[in-house]
Amino acid sequence: MSRVLPLDSSDLKTPKTVQFVVRFANGASDVVIPVGSVANLDNVSTKFIRQQIRIKDKSLATKRLKLIHNGKVLLNHTDFKKELRYLLRDESTGSDPIRIYIHCIVGDELSREELAQEEELEHQPEKSTSEAPKGFDRLLSQGFSALDIQELRHQFQQIHGASLDNQSQEALRELEDRWIDSTVNHEIDEFPANIGTLNAGGNGGGGPASRDGDAHKDLLIGVAIGYFLGIFALFLIKLEIGGVFNKRTRMAVIAGVFVNLSFGFVKAWS
């Protein structure tokens, strides 16, 4: 039984040859690998393609070669005949060979043992030697410049002041991570509690008692504003002047307004 693909009668009259054109990501000259007739595609493997590349370019003899075809890493069992059917329909009936394009990424040097097991290495993900960015450095991948990150970090330290003085660099990056995550999750009003949690385990003085004192102060100020200003205090919340009211204070202001209205109704009915 023939191993050649069933083609149109016009293709059978004018048999064509096939070429692999290897295009390098680093801009090096293309490598053309002729494979003869369509039937020979059954014998083409990634090992064969790599061998041909290294024969034609001696500088790649010990380099890791990652082959990519149609946006996917080329595996040893790739069936090129599927693409050949498409190419045979689009190619002219002339004598020009059919070209199958493959992209090649040149990697690190390989030892003899690694070269012998190159096919197995292809199925293993490459390990990253760089540490994942932490804190505000995560924003570098979102279009922020290094100067933007520096300014953001400076403002962050100014806002939280002395509570960050005794923190290590690792703890500061963790705080920055929490700040980013709390901002994304719309929990920024609760973020100061995170700083107090880390300070409680360090040399800082921001333990639970300090946080409770700040919470009571926010509640007292909010109730006083709501009680003495009445309805006008609600307009202050709506305007968000300077962002001075956190979530706890806003709730206390509303409670103060409610107390003000309650005394007003009681006085009116007495």
C-alpha atoms as a PDB file:
ATOM      1  CA  MET A   1       0.000   0.000   0.000  1.00  0.00           C
ATOM      2  CA  SER A   2       1.393   3.392  -1.015  1.00  0.00           C
ATOM      3  CA  ARG A   3       2.396   5.803   1.732  1.00  0.00           C
ATOM      4  CA  VAL A   4       1.830   8.846  -0.476  1.00  0.00           C
ATOM      5  CA  LEU A   5      -1.160  11.019   0.328  1.00  0.00           C
ATOM      6  CA  PRO A   6      -4.103  10.793  -2.101  1.00  0.00           C
ATOM      7  CA  LEU A   7      -3.766  13.885  -4.240  1.00  0.00           C
ATOM      8  CA  ASP A   8      -5.624  15.397  -7.158  1.00  0.00           C
ATOM      9  CA  SER A   9      -4.862  14.040 -10.592  1.00  0.00           C
ATOM     10  CA  SER A  10      -3.102  17.285 -11.504  1.00  0.00           C
ATOM     11  CA  ASP A  11      -0.733  16.831  -8.577  1.00  0.00           C
ATOM     12  CA  LEU A  12       0.028  13.251  -9.575  1.00  0.00           C
ATOM     13  CA  LYS A  13       1.057  14.411 -13.015  1.00  0.00           C
ATOM     14  CA  THR A  14       3.484  16.968 -11.599  1.00  0.00           C
ATOM     15  CA  PRO A  15       5.016  15.491  -8.412  1.00  0.00           C
ATOM     16  CA  LYS A  16       6.534  18.119  -6.180  1.00  0.00           C
ATOM     17  CA  THR A  17       9.387  18.160  -3.754  1.00  0.00           C
ATOM     18  CA  VAL A  18       9.185  19.448  -0.170  1.00  0.00           C
ATOM     19  CA  GLN A  19      11.550  21.747   1.703  1.00  0.00           C
ATOM     20  CA  PHE A  20      11.715  22.717   5.363  1.00  0.00           C
ATOM     21  CA  VAL A  21      12.711  26.352   5.814  1.00  0.00           C
ATOM     22  CA  VAL A  22      14.087  26.943   9.317  1.00  0.00           C
ATOM     23  CA  ARG A  23      13.821  30.600  10.379  1.00  0.00           C
ATOM     24  CA  PHE A  24      15.767  31.684  13.465  1.00  0.00           C
ATOM     25  CA  ALA A  25      14.403  34.020  16.139  1.00  0.00           C
ATOM     26  CA  ASN A  26      17.794  35.772  16.452  1.00  0.00           C
ATOM     27  CA  GLY A  27      17.724  36.902  12.823  1.00  0.00           C
ATOM     28  CA  ALA A  28      20.314  34.438  11.496  1.00  0.00           C
ATOM     29  CA  SER A  29      20.094  33.269   7.896  1.00  0.00           C
ATOM     30  CA  ASP A  30      17.432  30.682   7.089  1.00  0.00           C
ATOM     31  CA  VAL A  31      18.407  27.042   6.806  1.00  0.00           C
ATOM     32  CA  VAL A  32      16.760  25.112   3.975  1.00  0.00           C
ATOM     33  CA  ILE A  33      16.341  21.353   4.462  1.00  0.00           C
ATOM     34  CA  PRO A  34      15.217  19.467   1.325  1.00  0.00           C
ATOM     35  CA  VAL A  35      13.377  16.211   2.009  1.00  0.00           C
ATOM     36  CA  GLY A  36      12.573  15.139  -1.532  1.00  0.00           C
ATOM     37  CA  SER A  37       9.124  13.814  -2.344  1.00  0.00           C
ATOM     38  CA  VAL A  38       5.970  13.849  -0.257  1.00  0.00           C
ATOM     39  CA  ALA A  39       6.491  10.212   0.684  1.00  0.00           C
ATOM     40  CA  ASN A  40       9.674  11.092   2.539  1.00  0.00           C
ATOM     41  CA  LEU A  41       7.728  13.160   5.088  1.00  0.00           C
ATOM     42  CA  ASP A  42       6.996   9.967   6.984  1.00  0.00           C
ATOM     43  CA  ASN A  43      10.689   9.757   7.842  1.00  0.00           C
ATOM     44  CA  VAL A  44      11.049  13.364   9.017  1.00  0.00           C
ATOM     45  CA  SER A  45      11.442  13.783  12.780  1.00  0.00           C
ATOM     46  CA  THR A  46      12.533  16.618  15.043  1.00  0.00           C
ATOM     47  CA  LYS A  47      15.811  14.764  15.575  1.00  0.00           C
ATOM     48  CA  PHE A  48      16.417  14.744  11.815  1.00  0.00           C
ATOM     49  CA  ILE A  49      15.648  18.478  11.522  1.00  0.00           C
ATOM     50  CA  ARG A  50      18.025  19.337  14.371  1.00  0.00           C
ATOM     51  CA  GLN A  51      20.763  17.195  12.850  1.00  0.00           C
ATOM     52  CA  GLN A  52      20.401  18.990   9.520  1.00  0.00           C
ATOM     53  CA  ILE A  53      20.485  22.405  11.210  1.00  0.00           C
ATOM     54  CA  ARG A  54      23.711  21.518  13.036  1.00  0.00           C
ATOM     55  CA  ILE A  55      25.298  20.143   9.873  1.00  0.00           C
ATOM     56  CA  LYS A  56      24.589  23.373   8.007  1.00  0.00           C
ATOM     57  CA  ASP A  57      25.569  25.659  10.916  1.00  0.00           C
ATOM     58  CA  LYS A  58      28.481  24.309  12.974  1.00  0.00           C
ATOM     59  CA  SER A  59      28.093  27.049  15.626  1.00  0.00           C
ATOM     60  CA  LEU A  60      24.852  25.371  16.743  1.00  0.00           C
ATOM     61  CA  ALA A  61      26.425  21.953  17.300  1.00  0.00           C
ATOM     62  CA  THR A  62      25.995  22.059  21.093  1.00  0.00           C
ATOM     63  CA  LYS A  63      23.159  24.563  21.393  1.00  0.00           C
ATOM     64  CA  ARG A  64      19.677  23.671  22.533  1.00  0.00           C
ATOM     65  CA  LEU A  65      17.301  24.066  19.582  1.00  0.00           C
ATOM     66  CA  LYS A  66      13.604  24.568  20.242  1.00  0.00           C
ATOM     67  CA  LEU A  67      11.517  24.065  17.109  1.00  0.00           C
ATOM     68  CA  ILE A  68       8.153  25.789  16.730  1.00  0.00           C
ATOM     69  CA  HIS A  69       5.582  25.128  14.022  1.00  0.00           C
ATOM     70  CA  ASN A  70       2.208  26.884  13.727  1.00  0.00           C
ATOM     71  CA  GLY A  71       2.662  28.458  17.161  1.00  0.00           C
ATOM     72  CA  LYS A  72       3.318  25.134  18.925  1.00  0.00           C
ATOM     73  CA  VAL A  73       6.483  23.377  20.042  1.00  0.00           C
ATOM     74  CA  LEU A  74       7.339  20.807  17.401  1.00  0.00           C
ATOM     75  CA  LEU A  75       7.117  17.249  18.709  1.00  0.00           C
ATOM     76  CA  ASN A  76       8.574  14.104  17.227  1.00  0.00           C
ATOM     77  CA  HIS A  77       5.170  12.785  16.175  1.00  0.00           C
ATOM     78  CA  THR A  78       4.061  15.914  14.278  1.00  0.00           C
ATOM     79  CA  ASP A  79       2.124  15.000  11.129  1.00  0.00           C
ATOM     80  CA  PHE A  80       3.298  17.376   8.405  1.00  0.00           C
ATOM     81  CA  LYS A  81       0.977  15.842   5.836  1.00  0.00           C
ATOM     82  CA  LYS A  82      -1.990  17.657   7.356  1.00  0.00           C
ATOM     83  CA  GLU A  83      -0.425  20.968   6.386  1.00  0.00           C
ATOM     84  CA  LEU A  84       0.701  19.527   3.081  1.00  0.00           C
ATOM     85  CA  ARG A  85      -2.899  19.037   1.943  1.00  0.00           C
ATOM     86  CA  TYR A  86      -3.534  22.736   2.527  1.00  0.00           C
ATOM     87  CA  LEU A  87      -0.320  23.782   0.788  1.00  0.00           C
ATOM     88  CA  LEU A  88      -0.952  21.583  -2.231  1.00  0.00           C
ATOM     89  CA  ARG A  89      -4.279  23.324  -2.808  1.00  0.00           C
ATOM     90  CA  ASP A  90      -2.694  26.790  -2.655  1.00  0.00           C
ATOM     91  CA  GLU A  91       0.632  26.186  -4.421  1.00  0.00           C
ATOM     92  CA  SER A  92       0.886  26.720  -8.141  1.00  0.00           C
ATOM     93  CA  THR A  93       1.241  23.726 -10.428  1.00  0.00           C
ATOM     94  CA  GLY A  94       4.793  24.761 -11.322  1.00  0.00           C
ATOM     95  CA  SER A  95       7.963  22.971 -10.411  1.00  0.00           C
ATOM     96  CA  ASP A  96       8.735  25.084  -7.324  1.00  0.00           C
ATOM     97  CA  PRO A  97       9.133  22.990  -4.166  1.00  0.00           C
ATOM     98  CA  ILE A  98       6.586  23.187  -1.363  1.00  0.00           C
ATOM     99  CA  ARG A  99       7.998  25.054   1.644  1.00  0.00           C
ATOM    100  CA  ILE A 100       7.093  24.227   5.238  1.00  0.00           C
ATOM    101  CA  TYR A 101       8.316  26.923   7.623  1.00  0.00           C
ATOM    102  CA  ILE A 102       9.664  26.160  11.096  1.00  0.00           C
ATOM    103  CA  HIS A 103      10.861  28.694  13.665  1.00  0.00           C
ATOM    104  CA  CYS A 104      13.912  27.867  15.755  1.00  0.00           C
ATOM    105  CA  ILE A 105      14.896  29.369  19.112  1.00  0.00           C
ATOM    106  CA  VAL A 106      18.556  28.893  20.021  1.00  0.00           C
ATOM    107  CA  GLY A 107      19.042  28.162  23.724  1.00  0.00           C
ATOM    108  CA  ASP A 108      21.866  27.370  26.141  1.00  0.00           C
ATOM    109  CA  GLU A 109      24.835  25.068  25.671  1.00  0.00           C
ATOM    110  CA  LEU A 110      24.098  21.374  26.170  1.00  0.00           C
ATOM    111  CA  SER A 111      26.433  18.711  27.482  1.00  0.00           C
ATOM    112  CA  ARG A 112      26.946  15.421  25.635  1.00  0.00           C
ATOM    113  CA  GLU A 113      24.512  13.690  27.961  1.00  0.00           C
ATOM    114  CA  GLU A 114      21.912  16.411  27.427  1.00  0.00           C
ATOM    115  CA  LEU A 115      22.359  16.266  23.655  1.00  0.00           C
ATOM    116  CA  ALA A 116      21.761  12.519  23.764  1.00  0.00           C
ATOM    117  CA  GLN A 117      18.522  13.120  25.679  1.00  0.00           C
ATOM    118  CA  GLU A 118      17.446  16.255  23.812  1.00  0.00           C
ATOM    119  CA  GLU A 119      14.057  14.844  22.853  1.00  0.00           C
ATOM    120  CA  GLU A 120      13.246  14.113  26.502  1.00  0.00           C
ATOM    121  CA  LEU A 121      14.406  17.603  27.529  1.00  0.00           C
ATOM    122  CA  GLU A 122      11.954  19.103  25.054  1.00  0.00           C
ATOM    123  CA  HIS A 123       9.071  17.804  27.151  1.00  0.00           C
ATOM    124  CA  GLN A 124      10.411  19.422  30.341  1.00  0.00           C
ATOM    125  CA  PRO A 125       9.584  23.067  31.140  1.00  0.00           C
ATOM    126  CA  GLU A 126      12.538  25.423  31.372  1.00  0.00           C
ATOM    127  CA  LYS A 127      13.282  26.574  34.903  1.00  0.00           C
ATOM    128  CA  SER A 128      13.371  30.282  35.482  1.00  0.00           C
ATOM    129  CA  THR A 129      16.477  31.494  37.276  1.00  0.00           C
ATOM    130  CA  SER A 130      15.025  34.914  38.066  1.00  0.00           C
ATOM    131  CA  GLU A 131      12.942  35.464  41.173  1.00  0.00           C
ATOM    132  CA  ALA A 132       9.348  36.566  40.682  1.00  0.00           C
ATOM    133  CA  PRO A 133       8.898  40.301  41.335  1.00  0.00           C
ATOM    134  CA  LYS A 134       7.377  41.275  44.673  1.00  0.00           C
ATOM    135  CA  GLY A 135       5.580  44.339  45.973  1.00  0.00           C
ATOM    136  CA  PHE A 136       5.344  47.338  43.686  1.00  0.00           C
ATOM    137  CA  ASP A 137       7.894  45.703  41.369  1.00  0.00           C
ATOM    138  CA  ARG A 138       4.979  43.593  40.109  1.00  0.00           C
ATOM    139  CA  LEU A 139       3.679  46.729  38.390  1.00  0.00           C
ATOM    140  CA  LEU A 140       6.697  46.863  36.067  1.00  0.00           C
ATOM    141  CA  SER A 141       4.973  44.315  33.843  1.00  0.00           C
ATOM    142  CA  GLN A 142       1.859  46.534  33.724  1.00  0.00           C
ATOM    143  CA  GLY A 143       3.579  49.469  32.032  1.00  0.00           C
ATOM    144  CA  PHE A 144       4.957  51.304  35.093  1.00  0.00           C
ATOM    145  CA  SER A 145       8.511  52.623  34.779  1.00  0.00           C
ATOM    146  CA  ALA A 146      11.198  52.195  37.441  1.00  0.00           C
ATOM    147  CA  LEU A 147      10.798  55.892  38.281  1.00  0.00           C
ATOM    148  CA  ASP A 148       7.037  55.409  38.764  1.00  0.00           C
ATOM    149  CA  ILE A 149       7.700  52.508  41.137  1.00  0.00           C
ATOM    150  CA  GLN A 150      10.211  54.569  43.111  1.00  0.00           C
ATOM    151  CA  GLU A 151       7.746  57.466  43.466  1.00  0.00           C
ATOM    152  CA  LEU A 152       4.903  55.119  44.440  1.00  0.00           C
ATOM    153  CA  ARG A 153       7.099  53.462  47.074  1.00  0.00           C
ATOM    154  CA  HIS A 154       8.099  56.882  48.457  1.00  0.00           C
ATOM    155  CA  GLN A 155       4.452  57.977  48.751  1.00  0.00           C
ATOM    156  CA  PHE A 156       3.516  54.652  50.341  1.00  0.00           C
ATOM    157  CA  GLN A 157       6.167  55.114  53.047  1.00  0.00           C
ATOM    158  CA  GLN A 158       5.102  58.724  53.626  1.00  0.00           C
ATOM    159  CA  ILE A 159       1.456  57.730  54.107  1.00  0.00           C
ATOM    160  CA  HIS A 160       2.202  55.012  56.670  1.00  0.00           C
ATOM    161  CA  GLY A 161       5.070  56.876  58.322  1.00  0.00           C
ATOM    162  CA  ALA A 162       6.696  55.454  61.444  1.00  0.00           C
ATOM    163  CA  SER A 163       4.819  52.153  61.193  1.00  0.00           C
ATOM    164  CA  LEU A 164       7.239  51.095  58.427  1.00  0.00           C
ATOM    165  CA  ASP A 165      10.488  52.229  60.068  1.00  0.00           C
ATOM    166  CA  ASN A 166      11.388  48.912  61.694  1.00  0.00           C
ATOM    167  CA  GLN A 167      10.298  46.655  58.832  1.00  0.00           C
ATOM    168  CA  SER A 168      12.739  44.521  56.863  1.00  0.00           C
ATOM    169  CA  GLN A 169      12.825  44.706  53.063  1.00  0.00           C
ATOM    170  CA  GLU A 170      11.005  41.375  52.872  1.00  0.00           C
ATOM    171  CA  ALA A 171       8.252  42.634  55.191  1.00  0.00           C
ATOM    172  CA  LEU A 172       7.941  45.873  53.209  1.00  0.00           C
ATOM    173  CA  ARG A 173       7.476  43.941  49.971  1.00  0.00           C
ATOM    174  CA  GLU A 174       4.824  41.815  51.681  1.00  0.00           C
ATOM    175  CA  LEU A 175       3.019  44.980  52.792  1.00  0.00           C
ATOM    176  CA  GLU A 176       3.166  46.325  49.250  1.00  0.00           C
ATOM    177  CA  ASP A 177       1.723  43.047  47.967  1.00  0.00           C
ATOM    178  CA  ARG A 178      -1.119  43.284  50.491  1.00  0.00           C
ATOM    179  CA  TRP A 179      -1.752  46.903  49.542  1.00  0.00           C
ATOM    180  CA  ILE A 180      -2.022  46.021  45.846  1.00  0.00           C
ATOM    181  CA  ASP A 181      -4.286  43.037  46.547  1.00  0.00           C
ATOM    182  CA  SER A 182      -6.508  45.018  48.938  1.00  0.00           C
ATOM    183  CA  THR A 183      -6.818  47.804  46.356  1.00  0.00           C
ATOM    184  CA  VAL A 184      -7.880  45.328  43.681  1.00  0.00           C
ATOM    185  CA  ASN A 185     -10.423  43.785  46.063  1.00  0.00           C
ATOM    186  CA  HIS A 186     -11.724  47.219  47.206  1.00  0.00           C
ATOM    187  CA  GLU A 187     -10.565  46.591  50.776  1.00  0.00           C
ATOM    188  CA  ILE A 188      -8.157  49.509  51.029  1.00  0.00           C
ATOM    189  CA  ASP A 189      -9.896  50.904  54.140  1.00  0.00           C
ATOM    190  CA  GLU A 190      -8.917  47.798  56.082  1.00  0.00           C
ATOM    191  CA  PHE A 191      -5.268  47.842  54.952  1.00  0.00           C
ATOM    192  CA  PRO A 192      -3.820  49.682  58.017  1.00  0.00           C
ATOM    193  CA  ALA A 193      -4.717  46.623  60.098  1.00  0.00           C
ATOM    194  CA  ASN A 194      -2.271  44.602  57.993  1.00  0.00           C
ATOM    195  CA  ILE A 195       0.574  46.901  59.002  1.00  0.00           C
ATOM    196  CA  GLY A 196      -0.367  46.537  62.645  1.00  0.00           C
ATOM    197  CA  THR A 197      -0.334  42.761  62.314  1.00  0.00           C
ATOM    198  CA  LEU A 198       3.248  42.736  61.066  1.00  0.00           C
ATOM    199  CA  ASN A 199       4.372  45.344  63.577  1.00  0.00           C
ATOM    200  CA  ALA A 200       2.998  43.258  66.430  1.00  0.00           C
ATOM    201  CA  GLY A 201       5.572  40.597  65.640  1.00  0.00           C
ATOM    202  CA  GLY A 202       8.473  43.048  65.292  1.00  0.00           C
ATOM    203  CA  ASN A 203       9.980  45.864  67.263  1.00  0.00           C
ATOM    204  CA  GLY A 204       7.332  48.430  66.335  1.00  0.00           C
ATOM    205  CA  GLY A 205       4.666  49.601  68.728  1.00  0.00           C
ATOM    206  CA  GLY A 206       1.660  49.016  66.492  1.00  0.00           C
ATOM    207  CA  GLY A 207       0.092  46.098  68.383  1.00  0.00           C
ATOM    208  CA  PRO A 208      -3.593  45.304  69.008  1.00  0.00           C
ATOM    209  CA  ALA A 209      -3.961  48.021  71.668  1.00  0.00           C
ATOM    210  CA  SER A 210      -2.751  50.649  69.205  1.00  0.00           C
ATOM    211  CA  ARG A 211      -5.193  49.469  66.549  1.00  0.00           C
ATOM    212  CA  ASP A 212      -8.097  49.480  69.017  1.00  0.00           C
ATOM    213  CA  GLY A 213      -7.230  53.027  70.054  1.00  0.00           C
ATOM    214  CA  ASP A 214      -7.240  54.182  66.430  1.00  0.00           C
ATOM    215  CA  ALA A 215     -10.570  52.447  65.833  1.00  0.00           C
ATOM    216  CA  HIS A 216     -12.180  54.137  68.852  1.00  0.00           C
ATOM    217  CA  LYS A 217     -10.813  57.493  67.730  1.00  0.00           C
ATOM    218  CA  ASP A 218     -12.317  57.059  64.255  1.00  0.00           C
ATOM    219  CA  LEU A 219     -15.691  56.121  65.742  1.00  0.00           C
ATOM    220  CA  LEU A 220     -15.708  59.051  68.163  1.00  0.00           C
ATOM    221  CA  ILE A 221     -14.756  61.577  65.489  1.00  0.00           C
ATOM    222  CA  GLY A 222     -17.327  60.177  63.052  1.00  0.00           C
ATOM    223  CA  VAL A 223     -20.197  60.233  65.567  1.00  0.00           C
ATOM    224  CA  ALA A 224     -19.293  63.788  66.648  1.00  0.00           C
ATOM    225  CA  ILE A 225     -19.223  65.042  63.051  1.00  0.00           C
ATOM    226  CA  GLY A 226     -22.526  63.370  62.246  1.00  0.00           C
ATOM    227  CA  TYR A 227     -24.220  64.638  65.417  1.00  0.00           C
ATOM    228  CA  PHE A 228     -23.112  68.289  65.249  1.00  0.00           C
ATOM    229  CA  LEU A 229     -23.319  68.771  61.475  1.00  0.00           C
ATOM    230  CA  GLY A 230     -26.440  66.701  60.898  1.00  0.00           C
ATOM    231  CA  ILE A 231     -27.520  66.313  57.261  1.00  0.00           C
ATOM    232  CA  PHE A 232     -24.592  68.458  56.121  1.00  0.00           C
ATOM    233  CA  ALA A 233     -22.225  65.682  57.239  1.00  0.00           C
ATOM    234  CA  LEU A 234     -23.772  63.381  54.622  1.00  0.00           C
ATOM    235  CA  PHE A 235     -22.792  65.868  51.924  1.00  0.00           C
ATOM    236  CA  LEU A 236     -19.203  65.759  53.206  1.00  0.00           C
ATOM    237  CA  ILE A 237     -19.202  61.981  52.823  1.00  0.00           C
ATOM    238  CA  LYS A 238     -20.668  62.297  49.342  1.00  0.00           C
ATOM    239  CA  LEU A 239     -18.024  64.825  48.277  1.00  0.00           C
ATOM    240  CA  GLU A 240     -15.175  62.723  49.771  1.00  0.00           C
ATOM    241  CA  ILE A 241     -13.115  65.834  50.473  1.00  0.00           C
ATOM    242  CA  GLY A 242      -9.443  64.842  50.483  1.00  0.00           C
ATOM    243  CA  GLY A 243     -10.393  61.221  51.168  1.00  0.00           C
ATOM    244  CA  VAL A 244     -10.209  61.874  54.930  1.00  0.00           C
ATOM    245  CA  PHE A 245     -13.028  59.484  55.858  1.00  0.00           C
ATOM    246  CA  ASN A 246     -12.248  55.793  55.904  1.00  0.00           C
ATOM    247  CA  LYS A 247     -14.961  53.157  55.959  1.00  0.00           C
ATOM    248  CA  ARG A 248     -15.184  53.049  59.749  1.00  0.00           C
ATOM    249  CA  THR A 249     -15.457  56.833  60.062  1.00  0.00           C
ATOM    250  CA  ARG A 250     -18.149  57.047  57.372  1.00  0.00           C
ATOM    251  CA  MET A 251     -20.293  54.524  59.235  1.00  0.00           C
ATOM    252  CA  ALA A 252     -19.801  56.496  62.461  1.00  0.00           C
ATOM    253  CA  VAL A 253     -20.829  59.756  60.724  1.00  0.00           C
ATOM    254  CA  ILE A 254     -24.062  58.129  59.540  1.00  0.00           C
ATOM    255  CA  ALA A 255     -24.705  56.901  63.078  1.00  0.00           C
ATOM    256  CA  GLY A 256     -24.114  60.435  64.399  1.00  0.00           C
ATOM    257  CA  VAL A 257     -26.593  61.889  61.883  1.00  0.00           C
ATOM    258  CA  PHE A 258     -29.143  59.287  62.965  1.00  0.00           C
ATOM    259  CA  VAL A 259     -28.662  60.278  66.622  1.00  0.00           C
ATOM    260  CA  ASN A 260     -29.079  63.949  65.660  1.00  0.00           C
ATOM    261  CA  LEU A 261     -32.339  63.238  63.828  1.00  0.00           C
ATOM    262  CA  SER A 262     -33.604  61.096  66.706  1.00  0.00           C
ATOM    263  CA  PHE A 263     -33.077  63.933  69.214  1.00  0.00           C
ATOM    264  CA  GLY A 264     -34.763  66.300  66.764  1.00  0.00           C
ATOM    265  CA  PHE A 265     -37.882  64.118  66.506  1.00  0.00           C
ATOM    266  CA  VAL A 266     -38.022  63.621  70.267  1.00  0.00           C
ATOM    267  CA  LYS A 267     -37.782  67.384  70.842  1.00  0.00           C
ATOM    268  CA  ALA A 268     -40.457  68.078  68.215  1.00  0.00           C
ATOM    269  CA  TRP A 269     -42.932  65.664  69.827  1.00  0.00           C
ATOM    270  CA  SER A 270     -42.270  66.742  73.406  1.00  0.00           C
END
